[in-house]
N, C-alpha and C. Protein backbone atom coordinates (compact mmCIF):
# COMPACT_ATOMS: atom_id res chain seq x y z
N MET A 1 0.84 -1.17 0.00
CA MET A 1 0.00 0.00 0.00
C MET A 1 0.89 1.24 0.00
N ALA A 2 0.50 2.24 -0.76
CA ALA A 2 1.28 3.47 -0.85
C ALA A 2 1.24 4.24 0.46
N ALA A 3 2.37 4.81 0.82
CA ALA A 3 2.46 5.60 2.05
C ALA A 3 2.04 7.04 1.81
N HIS A 4 1.71 7.37 0.57
CA HIS A 4 1.31 8.74 0.23
C HIS A 4 0.23 8.69 -0.85
N ALA A 5 -0.50 9.80 -0.97
CA ALA A 5 -1.54 9.87 -1.99
C ALA A 5 -0.90 10.00 -3.37
N ILE A 6 -1.46 9.34 -4.34
CA ILE A 6 -0.96 9.41 -5.71
C ILE A 6 -1.66 10.57 -6.41
N PRO A 7 -0.90 11.55 -6.92
CA PRO A 7 -1.54 12.68 -7.61
C PRO A 7 -2.03 12.28 -9.00
N TYR A 8 -3.08 12.94 -9.44
CA TYR A 8 -3.66 12.75 -10.76
C TYR A 8 -3.41 14.01 -11.59
N PHE A 9 -3.11 13.82 -12.86
CA PHE A 9 -2.87 14.95 -13.75
C PHE A 9 -3.70 14.81 -15.01
N LYS A 10 -4.12 15.96 -15.56
CA LYS A 10 -4.88 16.02 -16.79
C LYS A 10 -4.20 17.00 -17.74
N ASN A 11 -4.57 16.92 -19.01
CA ASN A 11 -3.96 17.79 -20.00
C ASN A 11 -5.02 18.34 -20.94
N ASP A 12 -5.94 19.12 -20.40
CA ASP A 12 -7.02 19.70 -21.20
C ASP A 12 -6.50 20.63 -22.29
N ALA A 13 -5.38 21.30 -22.05
CA ALA A 13 -4.83 22.26 -23.00
C ALA A 13 -4.05 21.59 -24.14
N GLY A 14 -3.81 20.30 -24.04
CA GLY A 14 -3.06 19.60 -25.07
C GLY A 14 -1.58 19.98 -25.10
N LEU A 15 -1.02 20.26 -23.93
CA LEU A 15 0.39 20.64 -23.83
C LEU A 15 1.29 19.45 -24.17
N ALA A 16 2.43 19.74 -24.75
CA ALA A 16 3.38 18.67 -25.06
C ALA A 16 4.07 18.17 -23.80
N ARG A 17 4.35 19.09 -22.85
CA ARG A 17 5.09 18.75 -21.62
C ARG A 17 4.42 19.40 -20.42
N ILE A 18 4.41 18.66 -19.33
CA ILE A 18 3.91 19.17 -18.05
C ILE A 18 4.95 18.87 -16.99
N ARG A 19 5.35 19.90 -16.25
CA ARG A 19 6.30 19.69 -15.14
C ARG A 19 5.51 19.29 -13.90
N ILE A 20 5.99 18.26 -13.22
CA ILE A 20 5.29 17.76 -12.03
C ILE A 20 6.29 17.51 -10.90
N HIS A 21 5.76 17.50 -9.68
CA HIS A 21 6.57 17.26 -8.49
C HIS A 21 6.25 15.88 -7.91
N ALA A 22 6.26 14.87 -8.78
CA ALA A 22 5.99 13.50 -8.36
C ALA A 22 6.62 12.56 -9.38
N ARG A 23 7.08 11.44 -8.93
CA ARG A 23 7.62 10.43 -9.84
C ARG A 23 6.62 9.30 -10.07
N GLU A 24 5.62 9.20 -9.20
CA GLU A 24 4.55 8.22 -9.34
C GLU A 24 3.25 9.00 -9.39
N PHE A 25 2.42 8.74 -10.42
CA PHE A 25 1.22 9.55 -10.61
C PHE A 25 0.25 8.83 -11.53
N MET A 26 -0.93 9.41 -11.66
CA MET A 26 -1.95 8.92 -12.58
C MET A 26 -2.15 9.95 -13.67
N CYS A 27 -2.27 9.50 -14.91
CA CYS A 27 -2.62 10.37 -16.02
C CYS A 27 -4.04 10.00 -16.45
N VAL A 28 -4.89 11.02 -16.63
CA VAL A 28 -6.27 10.79 -17.07
C VAL A 28 -6.51 11.33 -18.48
N GLY A 29 -5.49 11.94 -19.09
CA GLY A 29 -5.68 12.55 -20.40
C GLY A 29 -6.37 13.88 -20.21
N ALA A 30 -7.52 14.06 -20.81
CA ALA A 30 -8.32 15.27 -20.62
C ALA A 30 -9.36 15.01 -19.53
N SER A 31 -10.02 16.06 -19.10
CA SER A 31 -11.08 15.91 -18.10
C SER A 31 -12.22 15.07 -18.66
N PRO A 32 -12.88 14.28 -17.81
CA PRO A 32 -14.04 13.52 -18.26
C PRO A 32 -15.10 14.47 -18.82
N PRO A 33 -15.79 14.08 -19.85
CA PRO A 33 -15.89 12.74 -20.42
C PRO A 33 -14.88 12.45 -21.53
N LEU A 34 -13.91 13.32 -21.72
CA LEU A 34 -12.92 13.15 -22.80
C LEU A 34 -11.64 12.48 -22.32
N ASP A 35 -11.69 11.84 -21.17
CA ASP A 35 -10.51 11.20 -20.59
C ASP A 35 -10.20 9.87 -21.27
N HIS A 36 -8.98 9.41 -21.03
CA HIS A 36 -8.61 8.06 -21.45
C HIS A 36 -8.55 7.20 -20.19
N PRO A 37 -8.33 5.89 -20.29
CA PRO A 37 -8.22 5.09 -19.07
C PRO A 37 -7.20 5.72 -18.12
N HIS A 38 -7.57 5.83 -16.86
CA HIS A 38 -6.70 6.44 -15.85
C HIS A 38 -5.59 5.45 -15.53
N ILE A 39 -4.36 5.82 -15.88
CA ILE A 39 -3.25 4.87 -15.74
C ILE A 39 -2.19 5.39 -14.77
N PHE A 40 -1.61 4.44 -14.06
CA PHE A 40 -0.52 4.72 -13.14
C PHE A 40 0.78 4.74 -13.92
N ILE A 41 1.58 5.79 -13.68
CA ILE A 41 2.89 5.90 -14.32
C ILE A 41 3.94 6.06 -13.23
N ASP A 42 4.99 5.30 -13.31
CA ASP A 42 6.10 5.37 -12.35
C ASP A 42 7.37 5.69 -13.13
N MET A 43 7.94 6.87 -12.89
CA MET A 43 9.17 7.29 -13.58
C MET A 43 10.40 6.54 -13.09
N GLY A 44 10.32 5.97 -11.91
CA GLY A 44 11.51 5.37 -11.32
C GLY A 44 12.54 6.47 -11.09
N SER A 45 13.76 6.27 -11.54
CA SER A 45 14.80 7.28 -11.36
C SER A 45 14.94 8.20 -12.58
N ASP A 46 14.09 7.99 -13.60
CA ASP A 46 14.14 8.83 -14.80
C ASP A 46 13.61 10.23 -14.50
N ALA A 47 13.95 11.17 -15.35
CA ALA A 47 13.51 12.56 -15.18
C ALA A 47 12.22 12.85 -15.92
N GLU A 48 11.78 11.93 -16.80
CA GLU A 48 10.54 12.15 -17.50
C GLU A 48 9.91 10.83 -17.91
N ALA A 49 8.60 10.91 -18.20
CA ALA A 49 7.85 9.74 -18.65
C ALA A 49 6.80 10.20 -19.64
N ILE A 50 6.46 9.33 -20.57
CA ILE A 50 5.47 9.64 -21.59
C ILE A 50 4.24 8.77 -21.38
N CYS A 51 3.07 9.40 -21.37
CA CYS A 51 1.83 8.64 -21.24
C CYS A 51 1.60 7.89 -22.55
N PRO A 52 1.37 6.57 -22.48
CA PRO A 52 1.17 5.79 -23.70
C PRO A 52 -0.16 6.06 -24.39
N TYR A 53 -1.11 6.70 -23.70
CA TYR A 53 -2.41 7.00 -24.31
C TYR A 53 -2.43 8.37 -24.99
N CYS A 54 -2.01 9.41 -24.29
CA CYS A 54 -2.15 10.77 -24.81
C CYS A 54 -0.82 11.38 -25.25
N SER A 55 0.27 10.68 -25.03
CA SER A 55 1.62 11.12 -25.42
C SER A 55 2.11 12.38 -24.69
N THR A 56 1.47 12.75 -23.60
CA THR A 56 1.96 13.86 -22.79
C THR A 56 3.29 13.46 -22.16
N VAL A 57 4.26 14.34 -22.21
CA VAL A 57 5.54 14.12 -21.56
C VAL A 57 5.47 14.78 -20.19
N PHE A 58 5.64 13.99 -19.15
CA PHE A 58 5.67 14.49 -17.78
C PHE A 58 7.12 14.59 -17.35
N VAL A 59 7.52 15.77 -16.89
CA VAL A 59 8.90 16.04 -16.51
C VAL A 59 8.97 16.26 -15.01
N TYR A 60 9.76 15.47 -14.32
CA TYR A 60 9.93 15.63 -12.87
C TYR A 60 10.74 16.87 -12.57
N ASP A 61 10.23 17.71 -11.66
CA ASP A 61 10.92 18.94 -11.25
C ASP A 61 10.79 19.07 -9.73
N ALA A 62 11.85 18.73 -9.03
CA ALA A 62 11.84 18.76 -7.56
C ALA A 62 11.72 20.17 -7.00
N SER A 63 11.99 21.19 -7.81
CA SER A 63 11.94 22.57 -7.32
C SER A 63 10.53 23.15 -7.32
N LEU A 64 9.55 22.46 -7.90
CA LEU A 64 8.19 22.99 -7.93
C LEU A 64 7.61 23.09 -6.53
N LYS A 65 6.91 24.17 -6.26
CA LYS A 65 6.22 24.34 -4.97
C LYS A 65 4.82 23.73 -5.03
N ALA A 66 4.23 23.67 -6.23
CA ALA A 66 2.93 23.05 -6.41
C ALA A 66 3.13 21.66 -7.01
N ALA A 67 2.06 20.90 -7.16
CA ALA A 67 2.16 19.56 -7.70
C ALA A 67 2.45 19.55 -9.19
N ALA A 68 2.06 20.63 -9.90
CA ALA A 68 2.27 20.67 -11.35
C ALA A 68 2.39 22.11 -11.83
N GLU A 69 3.03 22.25 -12.97
CA GLU A 69 3.12 23.54 -13.64
C GLU A 69 2.81 23.30 -15.11
N PRO A 70 1.71 23.78 -15.62
CA PRO A 70 0.75 24.69 -15.00
C PRO A 70 -0.15 23.98 -13.99
N ALA A 71 -0.59 24.75 -13.00
CA ALA A 71 -1.37 24.20 -11.89
C ALA A 71 -2.72 23.65 -12.34
N ASP A 72 -3.28 24.13 -13.45
CA ASP A 72 -4.58 23.63 -13.88
C ASP A 72 -4.49 22.22 -14.48
N CYS A 73 -3.30 21.64 -14.49
CA CYS A 73 -3.13 20.24 -14.92
C CYS A 73 -3.36 19.25 -13.78
N ILE A 74 -3.57 19.76 -12.59
CA ILE A 74 -3.87 18.88 -11.45
C ILE A 74 -5.33 18.46 -11.55
N PHE A 75 -5.60 17.17 -11.43
CA PHE A 75 -6.96 16.64 -11.52
C PHE A 75 -7.34 16.07 -10.17
N GLU A 76 -8.52 16.46 -9.69
CA GLU A 76 -9.07 15.93 -8.44
C GLU A 76 -10.09 14.86 -8.81
N PRO A 77 -9.80 13.57 -8.57
CA PRO A 77 -10.66 12.49 -9.03
C PRO A 77 -12.10 12.58 -8.56
N GLY A 78 -12.37 13.11 -7.39
CA GLY A 78 -13.74 13.21 -6.90
C GLY A 78 -14.46 14.47 -7.32
N SER A 79 -13.81 15.31 -8.14
CA SER A 79 -14.39 16.61 -8.47
C SER A 79 -15.45 16.56 -9.57
N ILE A 80 -15.53 15.46 -10.31
CA ILE A 80 -16.50 15.34 -11.39
C ILE A 80 -17.37 14.11 -11.13
N ALA A 81 -18.67 14.33 -11.11
CA ALA A 81 -19.58 13.21 -10.85
C ALA A 81 -19.59 12.24 -12.03
N ALA A 82 -19.68 10.97 -11.71
CA ALA A 82 -19.68 9.95 -12.77
C ALA A 82 -21.04 9.83 -13.41
């Protein structure tokens, strides 16, 4: 079991790259109902990872004060009713 919450990220703007402050995360693509399957991505020790569904490049940045840059790429899983 994870000792911390796994952050979720979305890419409504269709950005090529999103800087994030996590090496383990979920990508949802765009906000529902335009999302793809919500998948877990683990960068391991790499500095970036590519989502196999939407091709967004996620770049790890330890200097970020927020979870993502731009901040509107943060997705709250309970924020949209199913």
